[in-house]
Protein backbone atom coordinates (compact mmCIF):
# COMPACT_ATOMS: atom_id res chain seq x y z
CA UNK A 1 45.51 -17.06 -1.67
CA UNK A 2 43.30 -15.26 -4.23
CA UNK A 3 39.69 -14.53 -3.47
CA UNK A 4 37.05 -16.53 -5.35
CA UNK A 5 35.30 -14.67 -8.17
CA UNK A 6 32.00 -13.06 -7.23
CA UNK A 7 28.86 -14.96 -8.25
CA UNK A 8 26.93 -13.86 -11.34
CA UNK A 9 24.40 -11.07 -10.61
CA UNK A 10 21.25 -13.19 -10.92
CA UNK A 11 22.38 -16.50 -9.44
CA UNK A 12 20.87 -17.92 -6.22
CA UNK A 13 24.22 -17.43 -4.50
CA UNK A 14 24.17 -13.72 -5.34
CA UNK A 15 20.72 -13.31 -3.79
CA UNK A 16 21.93 -14.63 -0.44
CA UNK A 17 24.98 -12.42 -0.04
CA UNK A 18 24.52 -9.61 2.51
CA UNK A 19 24.99 -6.80 -0.01
CA UNK A 20 22.32 -8.25 -2.35
CA UNK A 21 19.56 -8.93 0.19
CA UNK A 22 16.17 -7.68 -0.92
CA UNK A 23 14.92 -4.55 0.71
CA UNK A 24 11.56 -2.91 0.24
CA UNK A 25 11.65 0.03 -2.11
CA UNK A 26 10.52 3.51 -1.08
CA UNK A 27 7.39 3.31 -3.22
CA UNK A 28 6.41 0.10 -1.44
CA UNK A 29 6.41 2.00 1.84
CA UNK A 30 4.37 4.79 0.23
CA UNK A 31 1.76 2.28 -0.92
CA UNK A 32 1.62 0.66 2.53
CA UNK A 33 1.25 4.08 4.19
CA UNK A 34 -1.50 5.05 1.72
CA UNK A 35 -3.47 1.87 2.41
CA UNK A 36 -3.14 2.31 6.18
CA UNK A 37 -4.26 5.95 5.91
CA UNK A 38 -7.32 5.07 3.83
CA UNK A 39 -8.22 2.18 6.12
CA UNK A 40 -7.96 4.44 9.18
CA UNK A 41 -10.08 7.08 7.43
CA UNK A 42 -12.77 4.51 6.58
CA UNK A 43 -12.84 3.05 10.10
CA UNK A 44 -12.88 6.51 11.67
CA UNK A 45 -15.65 7.69 9.39
CA UNK A 46 -17.80 4.66 10.13
CA UNK A 47 -17.13 4.76 13.86
CA UNK A 48 -17.98 8.45 14.26
CA UNK A 49 -21.45 8.22 12.78
CA UNK A 50 -23.98 9.46 15.36
CA UNK A 51 -27.02 7.63 14.04
CA UNK A 52 -28.65 6.38 17.26
CA UNK A 53 -29.98 9.83 18.24
CA UNK A 54 -31.29 10.73 14.81
CA UNK A 55 -34.94 10.61 13.85
CA UNK A 56 -34.10 8.95 10.54
CA UNK A 57 -31.52 6.34 11.50
CA UNK A 58 -31.82 4.46 8.22
CA UNK A 59 -30.93 7.58 6.23
CA UNK A 60 -28.06 8.33 8.59
CA UNK A 61 -26.65 4.82 8.20
CA UNK A 62 -27.05 5.00 4.42
CA UNK A 63 -25.18 8.31 4.35
CA UNK A 64 -22.40 6.81 6.44
CA UNK A 65 -22.13 3.87 4.05
CA UNK A 66 -22.03 6.20 1.05
CA UNK A 67 -19.30 8.28 2.69
CA UNK A 68 -17.21 5.22 3.54
CA UNK A 69 -17.73 3.95 -0.02
CA UNK A 70 -16.52 7.23 -1.50
CA UNK A 71 -13.41 7.11 0.68
CA UNK A 72 -12.86 3.52 -0.52
CA UNK A 73 -13.10 4.61 -4.16
CA UNK A 74 -10.64 7.45 -3.53
CA UNK A 75 -8.33 4.98 -1.83
CA UNK A 76 -8.53 2.53 -4.72
CA UNK A 77 -7.84 5.22 -7.32
CA UNK A 78 -4.83 6.42 -5.34
CA UNK A 79 -3.63 2.84 -5.00
CA UNK A 80 -3.82 2.34 -8.77
CA UNK A 81 -1.79 5.50 -9.41
CA UNK A 82 0.81 4.54 -6.80
CA UNK A 83 0.98 0.98 -8.12
CA UNK A 84 1.68 2.28 -11.65
CA UNK A 85 4.46 4.48 -10.30
CA UNK A 86 5.78 1.47 -8.36
CA UNK A 87 5.84 -0.63 -11.53
CA UNK A 88 7.51 2.08 -13.62
CA UNK A 89 10.22 2.80 -11.05
CA UNK A 90 11.55 -0.75 -10.88
CA UNK A 91 15.35 -0.91 -10.59
CA UNK A 92 17.15 -1.97 -13.76
CA UNK A 93 19.53 -4.43 -12.04
CA UNK A 94 16.75 -6.81 -10.95
CA UNK A 95 15.07 -9.36 -13.20
């Protein structure tokens, strides 16, 4: 008995076969790792501020906020660069 022909590459049946299941690309994992790293850096920077023993607590808290904001801007710029690489490295066999 002959085997049935394989489904077309972009049909719903083709998407459900085991060899065509969607996997996350490597750049997706790089973007996730980047976001986790930046988030950990921001939380760590905010948590390690020693402002309660300072004479000028308002200035200390403002400096902490500025530092966390700068890390956030660095994180966003890195995310934009990684997202552009992610978009340009899309596989050709997917719609």
